Amino acid sequence: MQRIDGHFEELHFTESNLGPPVLDEGTIKIPVTGVLPLKNYPMNNGTFRPLSGDLVFIGVTKSIRKVTEYIGDPKHPQGFQEERVVVDIDVSPDEPNVTKFMFEGILQEPVAWVEWEVVAAGFEFYTD
């Protein structure tokens, strides 16, 4: 397993699959598959090969997800349920040293389109 510190903006999430978050004392770990490294990402060897591993946000003050569940097979949905908001944590103190991380993809539990906002002090990616 390899750890990459930072470089969040050099990852493309739209086609990624996201597992359920694990919250532990100000840290959120989210399993991910199919995330694409962009040109300047440290692990991009020029092939744009999808990566898998864990997104780890450190010093989290906010994690809010907009979840839109698929009706039927997500590859050929027969519609969508109404969007709902899931708040994992929202303590939002006025700290100057935090970053807002925004990403989207397919949540695996429940199977849904998700738009995710995390406010945290740092980000690391642990690749398989």
N, C-alpha and C. Protein backbone atom coordinates (compact mmCIF):
# COMPACT_ATOMS: atom_id res chain seq x y z
N MET A 1 0.85 -1.18 0.00
CA MET A 1 0.00 0.00 0.00
C MET A 1 0.89 1.24 0.00
N GLN A 2 0.52 2.21 -0.82
CA GLN A 2 1.29 3.44 -0.92
C GLN A 2 0.43 4.62 -0.45
N ARG A 3 1.05 5.55 0.28
CA ARG A 3 0.35 6.73 0.79
C ARG A 3 0.79 7.95 0.01
N ILE A 4 -0.20 8.70 -0.52
CA ILE A 4 0.06 9.97 -1.20
C ILE A 4 -0.59 11.06 -0.35
N ASP A 5 0.20 12.01 0.08
CA ASP A 5 -0.28 13.12 0.91
C ASP A 5 -0.68 14.28 -0.01
N GLY A 6 -1.94 14.72 0.09
CA GLY A 6 -2.42 15.84 -0.72
C GLY A 6 -2.74 15.42 -2.14
N HIS A 7 -2.63 16.35 -3.08
CA HIS A 7 -2.87 16.13 -4.51
C HIS A 7 -4.32 15.77 -4.82
N PHE A 8 -5.26 16.15 -3.96
CA PHE A 8 -6.67 15.84 -4.17
C PHE A 8 -7.18 16.37 -5.51
N GLU A 9 -6.78 17.59 -5.85
CA GLU A 9 -7.27 18.24 -7.07
C GLU A 9 -6.77 17.56 -8.33
N GLU A 10 -5.85 16.61 -8.21
CA GLU A 10 -5.33 15.88 -9.36
C GLU A 10 -5.95 14.49 -9.49
N LEU A 11 -7.11 14.30 -8.84
CA LEU A 11 -7.86 13.06 -8.95
C LEU A 11 -9.22 13.35 -9.57
N HIS A 12 -9.68 12.46 -10.45
CA HIS A 12 -10.98 12.61 -11.11
C HIS A 12 -11.90 11.50 -10.60
N PHE A 13 -13.04 11.90 -10.02
CA PHE A 13 -13.89 10.96 -9.30
C PHE A 13 -15.16 10.53 -10.03
N THR A 14 -15.57 11.18 -11.09
CA THR A 14 -16.91 10.98 -11.65
C THR A 14 -17.25 9.53 -11.93
N GLU A 15 -16.32 8.72 -12.40
CA GLU A 15 -16.59 7.32 -12.70
C GLU A 15 -16.24 6.39 -11.53
N SER A 16 -15.93 6.95 -10.38
CA SER A 16 -15.48 6.14 -9.25
C SER A 16 -16.64 5.52 -8.48
N ASN A 17 -16.33 4.46 -7.76
CA ASN A 17 -17.27 3.80 -6.87
C ASN A 17 -16.79 4.02 -5.44
N LEU A 18 -17.70 4.50 -4.60
CA LEU A 18 -17.36 4.88 -3.23
C LEU A 18 -18.06 3.97 -2.23
N GLY A 19 -17.29 3.45 -1.29
CA GLY A 19 -17.86 2.60 -0.24
C GLY A 19 -18.37 3.45 0.91
N PRO A 20 -18.91 2.79 1.92
CA PRO A 20 -19.44 3.53 3.07
C PRO A 20 -18.30 4.16 3.88
N PRO A 21 -18.53 5.37 4.39
CA PRO A 21 -17.48 6.04 5.17
C PRO A 21 -17.31 5.41 6.54
N VAL A 22 -16.06 5.43 7.01
CA VAL A 22 -15.75 4.98 8.37
C VAL A 22 -15.25 6.21 9.12
N LEU A 23 -16.00 6.63 10.16
CA LEU A 23 -15.65 7.81 10.94
C LEU A 23 -14.95 7.37 12.21
N ASP A 24 -13.83 8.04 12.52
CA ASP A 24 -13.09 7.70 13.73
C ASP A 24 -12.36 8.93 14.24
N GLU A 25 -12.90 9.57 15.27
CA GLU A 25 -12.26 10.70 15.96
C GLU A 25 -11.69 11.76 15.01
N GLY A 26 -12.55 12.36 14.21
CA GLY A 26 -12.14 13.46 13.33
C GLY A 26 -11.51 13.01 12.02
N THR A 27 -11.51 11.71 11.76
CA THR A 27 -10.98 11.18 10.51
C THR A 27 -12.09 10.41 9.80
N ILE A 28 -12.15 10.59 8.48
CA ILE A 28 -13.09 9.81 7.67
C ILE A 28 -12.29 9.05 6.62
N LYS A 29 -12.55 7.73 6.55
CA LYS A 29 -11.92 6.89 5.54
C LYS A 29 -13.02 6.37 4.62
N ILE A 30 -12.83 6.56 3.30
CA ILE A 30 -13.82 6.14 2.31
C ILE A 30 -13.13 5.23 1.30
N PRO A 31 -13.54 3.96 1.21
CA PRO A 31 -12.99 3.09 0.18
C PRO A 31 -13.41 3.58 -1.20
N VAL A 32 -12.51 3.49 -2.18
CA VAL A 32 -12.81 3.95 -3.53
C VAL A 32 -12.16 3.03 -4.55
N THR A 33 -12.87 2.83 -5.67
CA THR A 33 -12.31 2.15 -6.83
C THR A 33 -12.61 3.01 -8.05
N GLY A 34 -11.76 2.91 -9.05
CA GLY A 34 -12.02 3.60 -10.31
C GLY A 34 -11.73 5.08 -10.33
N VAL A 35 -10.96 5.59 -9.37
CA VAL A 35 -10.60 7.00 -9.39
C VAL A 35 -9.43 7.17 -10.37
N LEU A 36 -9.50 8.22 -11.20
CA LEU A 36 -8.48 8.42 -12.23
C LEU A 36 -7.46 9.48 -11.81
N PRO A 37 -6.17 9.15 -11.90
CA PRO A 37 -5.14 10.15 -11.62
C PRO A 37 -4.95 11.05 -12.84
N LEU A 38 -4.97 12.35 -12.63
CA LEU A 38 -4.76 13.28 -13.73
C LEU A 38 -3.26 13.47 -13.99
N LYS A 39 -2.93 14.28 -14.96
CA LYS A 39 -1.57 14.40 -15.49
C LYS A 39 -0.48 14.58 -14.43
N ASN A 40 -0.66 15.46 -13.47
CA ASN A 40 0.41 15.77 -12.51
C ASN A 40 0.35 14.95 -11.23
N TYR A 41 -0.53 13.95 -11.16
CA TYR A 41 -0.63 13.14 -9.96
C TYR A 41 0.63 12.28 -9.82
N PRO A 42 1.19 12.17 -8.61
CA PRO A 42 2.44 11.43 -8.42
C PRO A 42 2.43 9.99 -8.95
N MET A 43 1.28 9.31 -8.94
CA MET A 43 1.24 7.92 -9.41
C MET A 43 0.82 7.79 -10.86
N ASN A 44 0.67 8.90 -11.59
CA ASN A 44 0.28 8.80 -12.99
C ASN A 44 1.52 8.49 -13.82
N ASN A 45 1.52 7.31 -14.41
CA ASN A 45 2.64 6.91 -15.24
C ASN A 45 2.39 7.14 -16.73
N GLY A 46 1.35 7.91 -17.05
CA GLY A 46 1.03 8.21 -18.44
C GLY A 46 -0.06 7.33 -19.02
N THR A 47 -0.51 6.32 -18.26
CA THR A 47 -1.53 5.41 -18.77
C THR A 47 -2.94 5.77 -18.32
N PHE A 48 -3.07 6.67 -17.36
CA PHE A 48 -4.36 7.05 -16.79
C PHE A 48 -5.14 5.83 -16.30
N ARG A 49 -4.44 4.90 -15.70
CA ARG A 49 -5.01 3.68 -15.14
C ARG A 49 -5.80 4.02 -13.89
N PRO A 50 -7.05 3.53 -13.77
CA PRO A 50 -7.84 3.79 -12.56
C PRO A 50 -7.16 3.22 -11.33
N LEU A 51 -7.30 3.93 -10.22
CA LEU A 51 -6.70 3.53 -8.95
C LEU A 51 -7.80 3.11 -7.98
N SER A 52 -7.41 2.34 -6.99
CA SER A 52 -8.33 2.01 -5.90
C SER A 52 -7.57 2.11 -4.58
N GLY A 53 -8.33 2.26 -3.52
CA GLY A 53 -7.71 2.39 -2.20
C GLY A 53 -8.66 3.07 -1.24
N ASP A 54 -8.09 3.90 -0.35
CA ASP A 54 -8.89 4.62 0.65
C ASP A 54 -8.60 6.11 0.59
N LEU A 55 -9.68 6.91 0.53
CA LEU A 55 -9.58 8.36 0.69
C LEU A 55 -9.60 8.59 2.20
N VAL A 56 -8.64 9.33 2.71
CA VAL A 56 -8.58 9.58 4.16
C VAL A 56 -8.53 11.08 4.39
N PHE A 57 -9.55 11.59 5.05
CA PHE A 57 -9.63 13.01 5.39
C PHE A 57 -9.34 13.14 6.88
N ILE A 58 -8.44 14.06 7.22
CA ILE A 58 -7.95 14.21 8.58
C ILE A 58 -8.41 15.56 9.14
N GLY A 59 -8.80 15.58 10.41
CA GLY A 59 -9.26 16.82 11.03
C GLY A 59 -10.57 17.30 10.43
N VAL A 60 -11.50 16.38 10.25
CA VAL A 60 -12.78 16.67 9.58
C VAL A 60 -13.69 17.48 10.49
N THR A 61 -14.24 18.56 9.94
CA THR A 61 -15.24 19.35 10.65
C THR A 61 -16.61 19.27 9.98
N LYS A 62 -16.63 18.75 8.73
CA LYS A 62 -17.90 18.62 8.02
C LYS A 62 -17.80 17.49 7.00
N SER A 63 -18.85 16.68 6.93
CA SER A 63 -19.02 15.67 5.88
C SER A 63 -20.50 15.59 5.59
N ILE A 64 -20.88 16.10 4.43
CA ILE A 64 -22.28 16.13 4.03
C ILE A 64 -22.39 15.54 2.63
N ARG A 65 -23.35 14.62 2.46
CA ARG A 65 -23.56 13.95 1.18
C ARG A 65 -24.96 14.20 0.66
N LYS A 66 -25.07 14.49 -0.62
CA LYS A 66 -26.36 14.51 -1.31
C LYS A 66 -26.46 13.17 -2.03
N VAL A 67 -27.42 12.35 -1.62
CA VAL A 67 -27.55 10.98 -2.12
C VAL A 67 -28.83 10.86 -2.95
N THR A 68 -28.68 10.36 -4.18
CA THR A 68 -29.82 10.12 -5.05
C THR A 68 -29.79 8.65 -5.45
N GLU A 69 -30.63 7.85 -4.82
CA GLU A 69 -30.62 6.41 -5.07
C GLU A 69 -31.24 6.08 -6.42
N TYR A 70 -30.63 5.09 -7.09
CA TYR A 70 -31.14 4.59 -8.36
C TYR A 70 -32.34 3.69 -8.10
N ILE A 71 -33.28 3.67 -9.04
CA ILE A 71 -34.36 2.70 -9.01
C ILE A 71 -34.01 1.65 -10.05
N GLY A 72 -33.79 0.42 -9.61
CA GLY A 72 -33.37 -0.64 -10.52
C GLY A 72 -31.87 -0.64 -10.72
N ASP A 73 -31.41 -1.25 -11.79
CA ASP A 73 -29.99 -1.38 -12.12
C ASP A 73 -29.39 -0.01 -12.42
N PRO A 74 -28.30 0.36 -11.74
CA PRO A 74 -27.71 1.67 -11.98
C PRO A 74 -27.20 1.88 -13.41
N LYS A 75 -26.89 0.78 -14.12
CA LYS A 75 -26.44 0.91 -15.51
C LYS A 75 -27.60 1.25 -16.44
N HIS A 76 -28.81 0.86 -16.03
CA HIS A 76 -30.02 1.15 -16.80
C HIS A 76 -31.15 1.49 -15.82
N PRO A 77 -30.99 2.61 -15.09
CA PRO A 77 -31.98 2.91 -14.06
C PRO A 77 -33.37 3.20 -14.65
N GLN A 78 -34.36 2.88 -13.85
CA GLN A 78 -35.74 3.16 -14.23
C GLN A 78 -36.22 4.42 -13.53
N GLY A 79 -35.27 5.23 -13.12
CA GLY A 79 -35.58 6.48 -12.44
C GLY A 79 -34.71 6.62 -11.20
N PHE A 80 -35.04 7.63 -10.42
CA PHE A 80 -34.27 7.93 -9.22
C PHE A 80 -35.22 8.27 -8.09
N GLN A 81 -34.81 7.93 -6.88
CA GLN A 81 -35.56 8.37 -5.72
C GLN A 81 -35.23 9.84 -5.47
N GLU A 82 -35.99 10.47 -4.61
CA GLU A 82 -35.72 11.87 -4.29
C GLU A 82 -34.38 12.00 -3.58
N GLU A 83 -33.67 13.07 -3.92
CA GLU A 83 -32.38 13.33 -3.28
C GLU A 83 -32.60 13.54 -1.78
N ARG A 84 -31.66 12.97 -1.01
CA ARG A 84 -31.70 13.21 0.44
C ARG A 84 -30.30 13.62 0.88
N VAL A 85 -30.25 14.34 1.97
CA VAL A 85 -28.98 14.83 2.50
C VAL A 85 -28.62 14.00 3.72
N VAL A 86 -27.36 13.53 3.74
CA VAL A 86 -26.84 12.76 4.87
C VAL A 86 -25.72 13.58 5.50
N VAL A 87 -25.86 13.88 6.78
CA VAL A 87 -24.84 14.63 7.50
C VAL A 87 -24.09 13.64 8.39
N ASP A 88 -22.82 13.40 8.04
CA ASP A 88 -21.99 12.51 8.85
C ASP A 88 -21.45 13.26 10.06
N ILE A 89 -21.01 14.49 9.83
CA ILE A 89 -20.47 15.35 10.89
C ILE A 89 -20.59 16.79 10.40
N ASP A 90 -20.92 17.68 11.30
CA ASP A 90 -20.98 19.11 10.97
C ASP A 90 -20.76 19.92 12.23
N VAL A 91 -19.49 20.06 12.61
CA VAL A 91 -19.14 20.86 13.77
C VAL A 91 -18.60 22.23 13.36
N SER A 92 -18.22 22.36 12.11
CA SER A 92 -17.81 23.58 11.42
C SER A 92 -17.29 24.73 12.28
N PRO A 93 -16.24 24.54 13.05
CA PRO A 93 -15.68 25.70 13.74
C PRO A 93 -15.00 26.62 12.74
N ASP A 94 -14.82 27.85 13.11
CA ASP A 94 -14.17 28.82 12.22
C ASP A 94 -12.65 28.63 12.29
N GLU A 95 -12.17 27.62 11.61
CA GLU A 95 -10.74 27.36 11.57
C GLU A 95 -10.18 27.81 10.22
N PRO A 96 -9.09 28.56 10.24
CA PRO A 96 -8.54 29.05 8.97
C PRO A 96 -7.77 27.99 8.19
N ASN A 97 -7.36 26.91 8.83
CA ASN A 97 -6.50 25.93 8.17
C ASN A 97 -7.24 24.68 7.73
N VAL A 98 -8.42 24.86 7.16
CA VAL A 98 -9.16 23.72 6.63
C VAL A 98 -9.43 23.95 5.14
N THR A 99 -9.70 22.87 4.44
CA THR A 99 -9.97 22.91 3.00
C THR A 99 -11.31 22.24 2.74
N LYS A 100 -12.04 22.77 1.76
CA LYS A 100 -13.29 22.14 1.33
C LYS A 100 -12.96 21.21 0.16
N PHE A 101 -13.27 19.92 0.33
CA PHE A 101 -13.05 18.91 -0.70
C PHE A 101 -14.42 18.52 -1.26
N MET A 102 -14.58 18.59 -2.58
CA MET A 102 -15.83 18.24 -3.23
C MET A 102 -15.55 17.12 -4.23
N PHE A 103 -16.37 16.07 -4.20
CA PHE A 103 -16.23 14.98 -5.17
C PHE A 103 -17.58 14.29 -5.36
N GLU A 104 -17.67 13.48 -6.41
CA GLU A 104 -18.91 12.80 -6.74
C GLU A 104 -18.57 11.42 -7.30
N GLY A 105 -19.56 10.56 -7.32
CA GLY A 105 -19.36 9.22 -7.85
C GLY A 105 -20.56 8.36 -7.52
N ILE A 106 -20.37 7.05 -7.62
CA ILE A 106 -21.45 6.11 -7.33
C ILE A 106 -21.20 5.49 -5.96
N LEU A 107 -22.11 5.76 -5.06
CA LEU A 107 -22.07 5.19 -3.72
C LEU A 107 -22.54 3.75 -3.82
N GLN A 108 -21.86 2.83 -3.15
CA GLN A 108 -22.19 1.40 -3.25
C GLN A 108 -23.22 0.94 -2.23
N GLU A 109 -23.37 1.66 -1.12
CA GLU A 109 -24.33 1.28 -0.08
C GLU A 109 -25.04 2.50 0.45
N PRO A 110 -26.26 2.79 0.09
CA PRO A 110 -27.04 2.15 -0.96
C PRO A 110 -26.50 2.56 -2.32
N VAL A 111 -26.88 1.84 -3.38
CA VAL A 111 -26.42 2.17 -4.72
C VAL A 111 -27.09 3.48 -5.13
N ALA A 112 -26.26 4.52 -5.27
CA ALA A 112 -26.80 5.86 -5.49
C ALA A 112 -25.73 6.76 -6.09
N TRP A 113 -26.18 7.81 -6.76
CA TRP A 113 -25.29 8.89 -7.17
C TRP A 113 -25.07 9.73 -5.92
N VAL A 114 -23.81 10.14 -5.68
CA VAL A 114 -23.53 10.93 -4.49
C VAL A 114 -22.67 12.14 -4.85
N GLU A 115 -23.02 13.26 -4.28
CA GLU A 115 -22.19 14.47 -4.32
C GLU A 115 -21.78 14.72 -2.87
N TRP A 116 -20.46 14.79 -2.65
CA TRP A 116 -19.94 14.76 -1.28
C TRP A 116 -19.11 16.01 -1.02
N GLU A 117 -19.33 16.61 0.14
CA GLU A 117 -18.52 17.75 0.59
C GLU A 117 -17.89 17.36 1.93
N VAL A 118 -16.57 17.48 1.97
CA VAL A 118 -15.84 17.22 3.21
C VAL A 118 -14.98 18.45 3.49
N VAL A 119 -15.05 18.97 4.71
CA VAL A 119 -14.18 20.06 5.15
C VAL A 119 -13.22 19.45 6.16
N ALA A 120 -11.93 19.55 5.85
CA ALA A 120 -10.93 18.88 6.69
C ALA A 120 -9.60 19.63 6.65
N ALA A 121 -8.74 19.29 7.58
CA ALA A 121 -7.40 19.90 7.64
C ALA A 121 -6.45 19.27 6.63
N GLY A 122 -6.71 18.01 6.24
CA GLY A 122 -5.80 17.36 5.32
C GLY A 122 -6.43 16.18 4.60
N PHE A 123 -5.71 15.70 3.57
CA PHE A 123 -6.16 14.59 2.76
C PHE A 123 -4.99 13.68 2.41
N GLU A 124 -5.23 12.38 2.49
CA GLU A 124 -4.26 11.38 2.06
C GLU A 124 -4.99 10.31 1.27
N PHE A 125 -4.29 9.73 0.29
CA PHE A 125 -4.84 8.63 -0.49
C PHE A 125 -3.95 7.41 -0.31
N TYR A 126 -4.54 6.34 0.18
CA TYR A 126 -3.81 5.08 0.36
C TYR A 126 -4.21 4.15 -0.78
N THR A 127 -3.29 3.88 -1.69
CA THR A 127 -3.57 3.04 -2.84
C THR A 127 -3.27 1.59 -2.54
N ASP A 128 -4.01 0.72 -3.19
CA ASP A 128 -3.80 -0.73 -3.04
C ASP A 128 -2.51 -1.14 -3.73
